[in-house]
Protein backbone atom coordinates (compact mmCIF):
# COMPACT_ATOMS: atom_id res chain seq x y z
CA MET A 1 65.13 165.01 105.05
CA GLY A 2 63.41 163.12 102.88
CA GLU A 3 63.64 164.86 99.44
CA MET A 4 65.63 167.59 98.15
CA THR A 5 63.88 170.89 98.51
CA ARG A 6 65.73 174.70 96.91
CA ALA A 7 65.51 177.41 99.24
CA ALA A 8 63.03 180.42 98.69
CA PRO A 9 64.93 182.30 96.16
CA ASP A 10 66.45 185.07 97.65
CA LEU A 11 68.24 182.10 100.32
CA ALA A 12 69.90 180.80 96.90
CA ILE A 13 73.54 182.68 95.94
CA GLU A 14 73.44 183.78 92.42
CA LEU A 15 75.82 181.45 90.47
CA THR A 16 78.30 182.04 87.39
CA THR A 17 76.85 179.94 84.31
CA ARG A 18 80.65 177.76 84.99
CA GLU A 19 78.94 177.70 88.85
CA GLN A 20 75.93 176.30 87.21
CA VAL A 21 77.51 173.96 84.60
CA LEU A 22 79.41 172.57 88.30
CA ALA A 23 76.77 171.95 90.25
CA ALA A 24 74.75 170.71 87.30
CA ARG A 25 76.77 167.45 87.64
CA ILE A 26 76.55 167.23 91.38
CA ASP A 27 74.80 164.82 93.19
CA PHE A 28 73.25 166.20 96.03
CA ASP A 29 73.11 162.46 97.95
CA PRO A 30 75.73 161.46 98.84
CA SER A 31 74.69 157.82 100.09
CA PRO A 32 74.18 156.40 96.49
CA THR A 33 77.67 158.06 96.05
CA LEU A 34 79.56 157.11 98.48
CA HIS A 35 79.27 153.04 97.26
CA ASN A 36 81.04 154.18 93.70
CA ALA A 37 84.44 155.78 93.30
CA ASP A 38 84.29 156.42 89.97
CA THR A 39 80.81 158.11 90.11
CA TRP A 40 82.03 159.92 92.95
CA LYS A 41 85.56 161.04 91.13
CA ALA A 42 83.10 163.32 89.09
CA GLY A 43 81.41 164.70 91.28
CA ALA A 44 84.43 165.89 93.92
CA ASP A 45 85.97 167.17 91.00
CA ALA A 46 83.22 169.63 90.59
CA ILE A 47 82.57 170.08 93.92
CA GLN A 48 86.48 171.03 94.61
CA GLU A 49 85.92 173.42 91.43
CA LEU A 50 82.70 174.59 92.25
CA MET A 51 84.37 175.65 96.03
CA GLY A 52 87.10 177.42 94.43
CA SER A 53 85.23 179.70 92.38
CA LEU A 54 83.25 181.02 95.49
CA LEU A 55 85.42 180.90 97.12
CA GLU A 56 87.89 183.42 95.24
CA ARG A 57 84.64 185.66 94.65
CA ASN A 58 83.28 185.32 98.04
CA ALA A 59 80.27 184.28 97.40
CA ILE A 60 78.89 182.02 100.71
CA PRO A 61 77.37 183.99 102.78
CA LEU A 62 78.96 185.40 106.33
CA ALA A 63 76.17 183.28 107.95
CA ARG A 64 77.32 180.15 106.05
CA ARG A 65 80.17 179.94 106.37
CA LYS A 66 80.18 181.06 110.10
CA PHE A 67 77.90 177.81 110.40
CA PHE A 68 80.92 175.62 108.97
CA THR A 69 83.92 177.54 110.29
CA ASP A 70 82.50 178.73 114.32
CA PRO A 71 82.91 176.01 117.34
CA SER A 72 80.27 177.89 118.83
CA CYS A 73 77.67 176.98 115.66
CA LEU A 74 78.23 172.73 116.57
CA ILE A 75 76.60 171.75 119.19
CA GLY A 76 78.11 168.00 120.45
CA GLY A 77 81.16 169.21 118.47
CA HIS A 78 83.83 168.93 121.89
CA GLY A 79 84.97 172.78 121.20
CA LEU A 80 84.97 171.89 117.09
CA SER A 81 83.80 173.39 114.47
CA HIS A 82 82.46 171.52 111.40
CA LEU A 83 85.63 171.92 109.74
CA GLN A 84 87.69 171.41 112.25
CA VAL A 85 86.14 167.74 112.85
CA PHE A 86 87.02 167.49 109.15
CA GLU A 87 90.52 168.38 109.97
CA ARG A 88 90.70 165.94 113.41
CA ASN A 89 89.45 163.49 111.26
CA GLY A 90 92.66 163.86 108.93
CA THR A 91 90.83 165.88 105.88
CA ARG A 92 92.41 169.29 105.52
CA GLY A 93 92.54 172.15 102.39
CA ASP A 94 90.80 171.02 99.07
CA ASP A 95 90.49 167.94 100.55
CA ILE A 96 87.61 168.70 102.20
CA PHE A 97 86.16 169.32 99.90
CA ARG A 98 86.24 166.18 98.16
CA HIS A 99 85.10 164.07 100.83
CA PRO A 100 81.40 162.77 100.48
CA HIS A 101 80.24 164.20 103.91
CA PHE A 102 81.05 167.82 102.53
CA VAL A 103 78.30 167.65 99.66
CA LYS A 104 75.74 168.10 102.34
CA TYR A 105 77.98 171.51 103.35
CA LEU A 106 77.94 172.89 99.69
CA ARG A 107 74.31 171.96 99.24
CA TYR A 108 73.64 174.51 102.42
CA PHE A 109 76.31 177.21 100.91
CA LEU A 110 74.37 177.21 97.81
CA TYR A 111 70.44 177.09 98.50
CA GLY A 112 70.18 177.63 102.77
CA PRO A 113 68.13 175.65 104.80
CA ASP A 114 66.91 172.52 103.52
CA LEU A 115 63.39 173.12 104.69
CA PRO A 116 60.14 173.82 102.06
CA LYS A 117 59.83 176.62 100.26
CA GLU A 118 56.68 178.07 101.85
CA VAL A 119 57.68 176.72 105.45
CA ILE A 120 61.19 179.50 105.08
CA ALA A 121 58.80 182.23 104.06
CA LEU A 122 56.82 181.97 106.76
CA PHE A 123 59.67 181.69 109.46
CA GLN A 124 61.32 184.70 107.26
CA LYS A 125 58.01 186.56 107.65
CA LYS A 126 57.77 186.18 111.14
CA VAL A 127 61.49 187.67 111.29
CA ALA A 128 60.74 190.44 109.54
CA ASN A 129 57.27 191.09 111.62
CA CYS A 130 59.39 191.52 114.76
CA GLY A 131 61.42 194.27 113.76
CA SER A 132 64.02 196.25 115.06
CA PRO A 133 66.10 196.11 117.43
CA PHE A 134 64.97 192.47 117.39
CA THR A 135 64.20 190.79 121.07
CA SER A 136 64.47 188.49 123.45
CA GLY A 137 60.78 188.39 123.17
CA ASP A 138 60.68 188.57 120.07
CA ALA A 139 62.88 185.76 119.90
CA LEU A 140 61.27 183.77 121.86
CA ALA A 141 57.85 184.26 119.46
CA VAL A 142 59.85 183.04 116.96
CA ALA A 143 61.36 179.41 118.34
CA ASP A 144 57.97 179.07 119.08
CA PHE A 145 56.54 179.74 115.70
CA ALA A 146 59.48 177.79 113.99
CA ARG A 147 58.31 174.62 116.65
CA ASP A 148 54.61 174.86 115.25
CA LEU A 149 55.79 174.96 112.06
CA THR A 150 57.72 171.71 112.37
CA ARG A 151 54.43 170.37 114.13
CA SER A 152 52.00 171.47 111.67
CA ARG A 153 53.77 170.30 108.33
CA GLY A 154 54.49 166.59 109.62
CA LEU A 155 58.16 167.82 109.37
CA GLU A 156 60.97 165.72 111.55
CA PRO A 157 61.83 167.40 114.34
CA HIS A 158 65.49 166.32 114.51
CA GLY A 159 66.91 167.29 111.27
CA THR A 160 64.37 169.73 110.90
CA ALA A 161 65.81 171.64 113.89
CA GLU A 162 69.45 171.83 112.61
CA GLU A 163 68.02 173.88 108.98
CA PHE A 164 65.22 176.21 111.21
CA PHE A 165 68.96 177.03 113.27
CA LYS A 166 70.43 177.66 109.40
CA LEU A 167 67.31 179.29 108.31
CA ALA A 168 67.41 182.12 111.80
CA LEU A 169 71.64 182.20 111.15
CA ASP A 170 70.38 183.32 107.47
CA CYS A 171 67.49 185.82 108.59
CA ARG A 172 70.60 187.34 110.42
CA LEU A 173 69.52 185.96 114.44
CA ASP A 174 72.36 186.27 116.29
CA LEU A 175 73.23 183.03 117.75
CA ASP A 176 71.62 182.57 121.26
CA ASP A 177 68.82 183.08 119.06
CA ALA A 178 69.24 181.03 116.36
CA ARG A 179 70.39 178.17 119.22
CA ALA A 180 66.59 179.26 120.93
CA VAL A 181 64.45 178.61 117.64
CA ARG A 182 66.78 175.46 117.17
CA ASP A 183 65.75 173.78 120.98
CA SER A 184 62.05 175.07 120.37
CA VAL A 185 61.73 172.79 117.26
CA LYS A 186 63.82 170.01 119.31
CA ARG A 187 61.36 169.48 121.71
CA VAL A 188 58.59 168.17 118.90
CA ARG A 189 56.54 165.15 120.07
């Protein structure tokens, strides 16, 4: 997705002072660290400690935990969740937090979807303007809006679709409506 963008302030979770120090030690772009075991170990230690703290105080929003643990959130996962994919591949328990591929999940847990702030704010406003109850017609309008944002901002549809799915979950859309948003964005050509 290019350069990482911090989520809108209301999507970032509040960290304790110690958690902020730990987060500052983490390279959220794992590609360069994958080739250097010494560098990765320091980051992995920080990730494991940070996750322990976040879990202990139940700081990760439910939608973000669900994204990681619910099999219905992983398209093409053959009935497995993101967590279960780690476990199927032999990584379990705290070792999951130390795995180089976990850093992208931690980034989402901490900061929300990796989308430009203005796109997040516009999407949140569109969802809020739908009011309550949120209807299937609202879901179609929001999905079309996400697709239009992707196109007008020149965002890459494949990766952006997953980030919009996360954003829809963070905006408390149900799973079917969040999927409609993701599928709409994937259709951008």
